[in-house]
Amino acid sequence: MKKSNTLPLALAILGLGAASSFAEIKINDNLSTSGFLDMSLNGYSPDSGDATLNASFDQFELDFMYKFGNISARADVNATPSFSSPGAPQPAPGTATSSTVYLEQGFVSYANAGGFGISAGRFLSSSGFEAAEPTGMFQYSYSKTLVYGYYQNGLNLSYTTPMFGLYGAVVSDLWNPQEFDVMKSPGFEGQVTLTPVAGVTAKAAYLFQMYDTTGTGGDDESQSLLNVWAQYAAGPITAAGEFNLLMNWGPGDFDGIGFLVMGNYKFTDKVAATLRYSAISIDDKNSATDDYDSEITVSPSYAISPNWLVLAEGKYELLPKKFDYAVESTFSF
């Protein structure tokens, strides 16, 4: 993952990941753009039953970045083949799914030379090690620990220095990008970032959300997440670990823990490989035993050019036991 000390953390989180860097396309002194095309072959082979293999164009994204001195703005437009794609608006009941174009995020920011920043609009949660976009992933799939906050509507503040950062946000919902009623499900997010030496990044985030279950404010519930991760990246080696603590989660108010360890090694400028293990354990109050699920992933990659990355993935997971496989092509511009 990459880290920026010059932009608010809500902006910096968008650049996290493993893909080769690429320059933004400058349209004029105030406007630039970037984006990507992502497609894949993917499927799975269960212990029993038929194997699958799907070919899909996963998404196209076009991002617009505006800069006017200390003030900047960003708008990400995403096109997906179906409403089932992550973050896409859900279809009305009884209607068929179809291709859609939607605004993934859009926000305005102010940042000064002293490290203070403020953003307002729709933006990505700062929580979590794994990136929201395929251009920021070390492999095709997400880990078992993916319980991060998502795209959110609200306001965030940040303060960054070369070795330390603070971030806080107030949003209408931490996990549902389609929720706009702040009184119904207000969410609060805070994060501390440490970069003590070159190559080392550590972040700790706490997310807390209230739910008005009656619509009148008289019966409130809440759920929260503690997310901590650290990364070491130097030369050809990237290694990281992550821990999640889930509290009062879901309709059953269950607790849980999740963790991730991964390593990526670049053999050459073009060839790299990733090994990842992740697991999640849920304390199910309605069951005599806890639910435990884990996976191990191997993913080699090849950079055809600085902005075209192809990778393969094999993943073995439990509950249910199956072997997942994929080949992904991501073209960035």
Protein backbone atom coordinates (compact mmCIF):
# COMPACT_ATOMS: atom_id res chain seq x y z
CA MET A 1 0.00 0.00 0.00
CA LYS A 2 1.09 3.56 -0.65
CA LYS A 3 0.80 6.43 1.78
CA SER A 4 0.45 10.14 1.14
CA ASN A 5 1.44 12.79 3.66
CA THR A 6 0.22 15.71 1.54
CA LEU A 7 -3.49 14.92 1.20
CA PRO A 8 -6.24 14.31 3.76
CA LEU A 9 -6.45 10.66 4.75
CA ALA A 10 -9.82 10.26 3.06
CA LEU A 11 -7.99 11.03 -0.18
CA ALA A 12 -4.86 9.06 0.65
CA ILE A 13 -6.77 5.85 1.30
CA LEU A 14 -7.88 5.79 -2.34
CA GLY A 15 -4.32 5.29 -3.51
CA LEU A 16 -3.51 2.31 -1.30
CA GLY A 17 -2.51 -0.88 -3.00
CA ALA A 18 -0.16 -3.01 -5.00
CA ALA A 19 -0.64 -2.06 -8.63
CA SER A 20 2.06 -0.22 -10.55
CA SER A 21 1.77 3.54 -10.23
CA PHE A 22 0.57 5.55 -13.17
CA ALA A 23 0.40 9.26 -13.90
CA GLU A 24 -2.85 11.15 -13.94
CA ILE A 25 -3.90 12.55 -17.32
CA LYS A 26 -3.68 16.33 -17.03
CA ILE A 27 -6.45 18.12 -18.91
CA ASN A 28 -5.58 21.64 -17.74
CA ASP A 29 -3.95 23.35 -14.75
CA ASN A 30 -6.97 22.60 -12.55
CA LEU A 31 -8.35 19.31 -13.87
CA SER A 32 -6.86 15.84 -14.27
CA THR A 33 -8.33 12.39 -14.66
CA SER A 34 -7.45 8.73 -14.16
CA GLY A 35 -9.24 5.40 -14.12
CA PHE A 36 -9.14 1.71 -14.97
CA LEU A 37 -10.77 -1.20 -16.78
CA ASP A 38 -11.04 -4.48 -14.89
CA MET A 39 -12.05 -7.91 -16.23
CA SER A 40 -11.65 -11.49 -15.10
CA LEU A 41 -12.13 -15.20 -15.49
CA ASN A 42 -13.25 -16.63 -12.16
CA GLY A 43 -14.83 -19.73 -10.69
CA TYR A 44 -14.70 -22.35 -7.98
CA SER A 45 -14.54 -26.10 -7.48
CA PRO A 46 -16.47 -27.36 -4.41
CA ASP A 47 -15.80 -30.62 -2.57
CA SER A 48 -19.05 -31.90 -4.05
CA GLY A 49 -21.01 -30.61 -7.02
CA ASP A 50 -20.11 -28.95 -10.28
CA ALA A 51 -17.26 -26.53 -10.83
CA THR A 52 -17.91 -23.10 -12.34
CA LEU A 53 -16.04 -20.75 -14.65
CA ASN A 54 -17.27 -17.23 -15.40
CA ALA A 55 -15.96 -14.61 -17.82
CA SER A 56 -16.90 -11.04 -16.92
CA PHE A 57 -16.10 -7.40 -17.46
CA ASP A 58 -16.11 -6.35 -13.82
CA GLN A 59 -15.98 -2.56 -13.92
CA PHE A 60 -14.86 0.62 -15.60
CA GLU A 61 -14.00 3.68 -13.54
CA LEU A 62 -13.23 7.25 -14.50
CA ASP A 63 -12.02 9.63 -11.77
CA PHE A 64 -11.93 13.42 -12.02
CA MET A 65 -9.59 15.44 -9.79
CA TYR A 66 -9.96 19.20 -9.46
CA LYS A 67 -7.33 21.47 -7.83
CA PHE A 68 -7.69 25.15 -6.96
CA GLY A 69 -4.90 26.11 -4.55
CA ASN A 70 -5.68 24.65 -1.13
CA ILE A 71 -9.11 23.47 -2.30
CA SER A 72 -9.59 20.28 -4.27
CA ALA A 73 -12.45 18.04 -5.32
CA ARG A 74 -12.80 14.50 -6.60
CA ALA A 75 -15.58 12.61 -8.36
CA ASP A 76 -15.36 8.89 -9.24
CA VAL A 77 -17.78 7.57 -11.86
CA ASN A 78 -18.15 3.79 -11.96
CA ALA A 79 -19.77 1.62 -14.63
CA THR A 80 -20.60 -1.99 -13.83
CA PRO A 81 -22.28 -4.83 -15.72
CA SER A 82 -25.00 -5.39 -13.11
CA PHE A 83 -26.64 -3.96 -10.02
CA SER A 84 -25.01 -6.72 -7.98
CA SER A 85 -21.61 -5.07 -8.35
CA PRO A 86 -20.16 -3.62 -5.12
CA GLY A 87 -21.43 -0.15 -4.30
CA ALA A 88 -23.94 0.00 -7.15
CA PRO A 89 -27.49 1.23 -6.48
CA GLN A 90 -29.89 -1.61 -5.80
CA PRO A 91 -32.78 -2.15 -8.24
CA ALA A 92 -36.36 -1.58 -7.21
CA PRO A 93 -38.20 -4.73 -6.06
CA GLY A 94 -39.40 -6.80 -8.98
CA THR A 95 -37.18 -5.14 -11.56
CA ALA A 96 -34.44 -6.89 -13.51
CA THR A 97 -30.78 -6.13 -13.01
CA SER A 98 -28.94 -4.33 -15.79
CA SER A 99 -25.79 -2.40 -16.52
CA THR A 100 -25.51 0.83 -14.58
CA VAL A 101 -23.37 3.95 -14.26
CA TYR A 102 -23.27 5.63 -10.85
CA LEU A 103 -21.30 8.10 -8.76
CA GLU A 104 -19.11 6.00 -6.48
CA GLN A 105 -17.85 8.97 -4.51
CA GLY A 106 -17.62 12.72 -4.75
CA PHE A 107 -16.22 15.17 -2.20
CA VAL A 108 -14.63 18.60 -1.76
CA SER A 109 -11.50 19.04 0.38
CA TYR A 110 -9.43 21.79 1.93
CA ALA A 111 -5.81 21.13 2.96
CA ASN A 112 -3.23 23.62 4.20
CA ALA A 113 0.55 23.50 4.48
CA GLY A 114 0.29 22.77 8.21
CA GLY A 115 -1.18 19.32 7.59
CA PHE A 116 -4.81 20.09 8.42
CA GLY A 117 -7.51 18.85 6.05
CA ILE A 118 -11.30 18.73 5.85
CA SER A 119 -13.53 16.91 3.35
CA ALA A 120 -17.28 16.86 2.82
CA GLY A 121 -19.40 14.68 0.56
CA ARG A 122 -19.35 10.98 -0.20
CA PHE A 123 -15.99 9.32 0.51
CA LEU A 124 -14.40 5.97 1.35
CA SER A 125 -13.87 4.80 4.93
CA SER A 126 -10.29 5.05 6.14
CA SER A 127 -10.47 1.60 7.79
CA GLY A 128 -8.88 -1.60 6.51
CA PHE A 129 -5.69 -2.84 4.93
CA GLU A 130 -7.10 -4.16 1.65
CA ALA A 131 -8.04 -1.53 -0.93
CA ALA A 132 -11.54 -0.94 -2.29
CA GLU A 133 -10.42 -0.98 -5.94
CA PRO A 134 -8.72 -3.75 -7.95
CA THR A 135 -5.88 -1.35 -8.80
CA GLY A 136 -4.93 -1.39 -5.11
CA MET A 137 -5.09 -5.14 -4.49
CA PHE A 138 -2.21 -7.60 -4.24
CA GLN A 139 -4.51 -10.39 -5.46
CA TYR A 140 -7.97 -10.86 -7.01
CA SER A 141 -10.14 -11.70 -3.98
CA TYR A 142 -10.72 -10.14 -0.60
CA SER A 143 -9.78 -11.80 2.66
CA LYS A 144 -12.10 -13.24 5.31
CA THR A 145 -11.51 -10.12 7.42
CA LEU A 146 -13.36 -7.78 5.05
CA VAL A 147 -15.68 -6.02 7.51
CA TYR A 148 -14.34 -2.51 6.89
CA GLY A 149 -16.40 0.62 6.61
CA TYR A 150 -17.52 1.45 3.06
CA TYR A 151 -18.38 4.56 1.04
CA GLN A 152 -19.96 7.08 3.39
CA ASN A 153 -21.89 10.35 3.25
CA GLY A 154 -20.64 12.95 5.72
CA LEU A 155 -17.74 15.08 6.90
CA ASN A 156 -14.16 14.20 7.86
CA LEU A 157 -11.21 16.00 9.42
CA SER A 158 -7.55 15.03 9.25
CA TYR A 159 -4.15 16.13 10.45
CA THR A 160 -1.01 14.64 8.90
CA THR A 161 2.73 14.96 9.39
CA PRO A 162 5.52 12.81 7.90
CA MET A 163 5.41 10.50 10.94
CA PHE A 164 1.94 10.88 12.44
CA GLY A 165 -1.67 11.33 11.36
CA LEU A 166 -5.13 11.75 12.88
CA TYR A 167 -8.48 11.26 11.13
CA GLY A 168 -12.08 11.57 12.24
CA ALA A 169 -15.42 11.39 10.43
CA VAL A 170 -19.14 11.77 11.12
CA VAL A 171 -21.31 10.02 8.53
CA SER A 172 -24.90 8.92 7.90
CA ASP A 173 -23.92 5.22 7.83
CA LEU A 174 -20.56 3.46 8.06
CA TRP A 175 -21.45 0.37 6.04
CA ASN A 176 -24.42 1.28 3.83
CA PRO A 177 -23.65 3.83 1.08
CA GLN A 178 -27.37 4.09 0.25
CA GLU A 179 -28.32 5.46 3.68
CA PHE A 180 -28.65 9.26 3.91
CA ASP A 181 -30.67 9.74 7.12
CA VAL A 182 -28.11 10.85 9.72
CA MET A 183 -30.60 10.53 12.58
CA LYS A 184 -31.41 6.92 11.68
CA SER A 185 -27.90 5.45 11.71
CA PRO A 186 -25.19 7.98 12.61
CA GLY A 187 -21.67 6.65 12.34
CA PHE A 188 -18.39 7.84 13.82
CA GLU A 189 -14.91 6.87 12.69
CA GLY A 190 -11.47 7.72 14.04
CA GLN A 191 -7.99 6.63 13.02
CA VAL A 192 -4.40 7.09 14.15
CA THR A 193 -1.57 6.62 11.63
CA LEU A 194 2.09 6.08 12.51
CA THR A 195 5.01 6.05 10.06
CA PRO A 196 7.98 5.94 12.44
CA VAL A 197 10.63 4.92 9.91
CA ALA A 198 10.85 4.55 6.14
CA GLY A 199 8.90 1.58 4.89
CA VAL A 200 6.79 1.08 8.03
CA THR A 201 3.13 2.13 8.27
CA ALA A 202 0.74 1.30 11.13
CA LYS A 203 -2.91 2.34 11.46
CA ALA A 204 -5.54 1.83 14.17
CA ALA A 205 -9.17 2.74 13.46
CA TYR A 206 -12.30 2.58 15.63
CA LEU A 207 -15.76 2.65 14.04
CA PHE A 208 -18.98 3.09 16.03
CA GLN A 209 -22.49 3.18 14.62
CA MET A 210 -25.90 3.65 16.22
CA TYR A 211 -29.12 2.21 14.80
CA ASP A 212 -32.59 3.55 15.48
CA THR A 213 -34.58 0.31 15.25
CA THR A 214 -37.99 1.93 15.74
CA GLY A 215 -37.66 5.05 13.62
CA THR A 216 -38.60 7.21 16.62
CA GLY A 217 -35.30 7.33 18.48
CA GLY A 218 -36.64 5.28 21.36
CA ASP A 219 -34.92 1.95 20.74
CA ASP A 220 -31.28 2.29 19.78
CA GLU A 221 -28.71 -0.38 19.10
CA SER A 222 -25.09 -0.08 18.05
CA GLN A 223 -22.21 -2.00 16.54
CA SER A 224 -18.51 -1.21 16.41
CA LEU A 225 -15.25 -2.31 14.85
CA LEU A 226 -11.64 -1.98 15.94
CA ASN A 227 -9.30 -2.35 12.94
CA VAL A 228 -5.51 -2.40 13.35
CA TRP A 229 -2.95 -3.13 10.66
CA ALA A 230 0.75 -2.64 10.00
CA GLN A 231 2.85 -2.92 6.87
CA TYR A 232 6.54 -3.12 6.06
CA ALA A 233 7.53 -2.31 2.47
CA ALA A 234 11.15 -2.05 1.40
CA GLY A 235 12.81 -3.09 -1.84
CA PRO A 236 11.10 -6.15 -3.32
CA ILE A 237 9.38 -7.18 -0.06
CA THR A 238 5.99 -6.13 1.28
CA ALA A 239 4.66 -7.80 4.44
CA ALA A 240 1.55 -6.93 6.46
CA GLY A 241 -0.67 -8.07 9.29
CA GLU A 242 -4.18 -7.03 10.29
CA PHE A 243 -6.52 -7.58 13.25
CA ASN A 244 -10.27 -6.88 13.48
CA LEU A 245 -12.39 -6.92 16.61
CA LEU A 246 -16.16 -7.00 15.96
CA MET A 247 -18.49 -5.91 18.78
CA ASN A 248 -22.31 -6.29 18.89
CA TRP A 249 -22.30 -7.20 15.21
CA GLY A 250 -25.36 -7.97 13.12
CA PRO A 251 -28.93 -8.89 14.14
CA GLY A 252 -27.61 -11.42 16.70
CA ASP A 253 -25.31 -8.90 18.42
CA PHE A 254 -22.45 -11.35 18.06
CA ASP A 255 -18.78 -10.64 18.68
CA GLY A 256 -15.87 -11.83 16.60
CA ILE A 257 -12.23 -11.49 15.66
CA GLY A 258 -10.52 -11.59 12.30
CA PHE A 259 -6.90 -11.50 11.23
CA LEU A 260 -4.78 -11.42 8.11
CA VAL A 261 -1.12 -11.99 7.31
CA MET A 262 0.34 -11.56 3.86
CA GLY A 263 3.58 -11.20 1.96
CA ASN A 264 4.36 -10.01 -1.54
CA TYR A 265 7.72 -10.42 -3.26
CA LYS A 266 8.78 -8.78 -6.53
CA PHE A 267 11.17 -11.11 -8.33
CA THR A 268 11.67 -8.60 -11.15
CA ASP A 269 10.09 -5.33 -12.26
CA LYS A 270 7.42 -7.41 -14.00
CA VAL A 271 7.00 -10.60 -11.95
CA ALA A 272 5.69 -10.80 -8.37
CA ALA A 273 3.82 -13.23 -6.13
CA THR A 274 1.57 -12.90 -3.07
CA LEU A 275 0.86 -15.35 -0.25
CA ARG A 276 -2.02 -14.53 2.13
CA TYR A 277 -3.75 -16.25 5.05
CA SER A 278 -6.84 -14.84 6.73
CA ALA A 279 -9.50 -16.06 9.15
CA ILE A 280 -12.55 -14.88 11.04
CA SER A 281 -14.08 -16.35 14.20
CA ILE A 282 -17.65 -15.48 15.20
CA ASP A 283 -19.01 -15.91 18.73
CA ASP A 284 -22.52 -17.09 17.84
CA LYS A 285 -24.69 -16.71 20.96
CA ASN A 286 -27.27 -19.07 19.45
CA SER A 287 -24.80 -21.89 18.91
CA ALA A 288 -22.76 -24.08 21.25
CA THR A 289 -19.68 -23.63 19.07
CA ASP A 290 -18.09 -20.63 17.41
CA ASP A 291 -18.04 -20.24 13.63
CA TYR A 292 -14.48 -20.23 12.31
CA ASP A 293 -13.61 -19.74 8.67
CA SER A 294 -10.22 -19.33 7.02
CA GLU A 295 -8.56 -19.21 3.63
CA ILE A 296 -5.11 -19.35 2.08
CA THR A 297 -4.37 -17.60 -1.20
CA VAL A 298 -1.50 -17.76 -3.68
CA SER A 299 -1.39 -15.14 -6.44
CA PRO A 300 1.39 -14.64 -9.02
CA SER A 301 1.27 -11.50 -11.16
CA TYR A 302 2.87 -10.17 -14.33
CA ALA A 303 3.09 -6.52 -15.41
CA ILE A 304 2.70 -6.47 -19.18
CA SER A 305 3.35 -2.71 -19.06
CA PRO A 306 3.52 -0.07 -16.32
CA ASN A 307 -0.26 0.32 -16.48
CA TRP A 308 -1.44 -3.21 -17.44
CA LEU A 309 -1.30 -5.89 -14.75
CA VAL A 310 -2.37 -9.52 -15.14
CA LEU A 311 -2.57 -11.89 -12.18
CA ALA A 312 -3.74 -15.40 -11.39
CA GLU A 313 -5.14 -16.62 -8.09
CA GLY A 314 -5.77 -19.91 -6.33
CA LYS A 315 -7.58 -19.84 -2.98
CA TYR A 316 -8.61 -22.69 -0.69
CA GLU A 317 -11.33 -21.81 1.80
CA LEU A 318 -13.52 -23.48 4.43
CA LEU A 319 -17.27 -23.21 5.18
CA PRO A 320 -18.00 -24.54 2.66
CA LYS A 321 -14.80 -26.19 1.55
CA LYS A 322 -13.95 -25.17 -1.98
CA PHE A 323 -11.12 -24.07 -4.23
CA ASP A 324 -11.52 -20.67 -5.92
CA TYR A 325 -9.54 -19.64 -8.97
CA ALA A 326 -9.28 -16.52 -11.10
CA VAL A 327 -7.30 -14.71 -13.77
CA GLU A 328 -7.66 -10.91 -13.71
CA SER A 329 -6.60 -8.16 -16.10
CA THR A 330 -6.50 -4.56 -14.87
CA PHE A 331 -5.61 -1.68 -17.19
CA SER A 332 -4.99 1.64 -15.45
CA PHE A 333 -4.75 5.10 -16.98
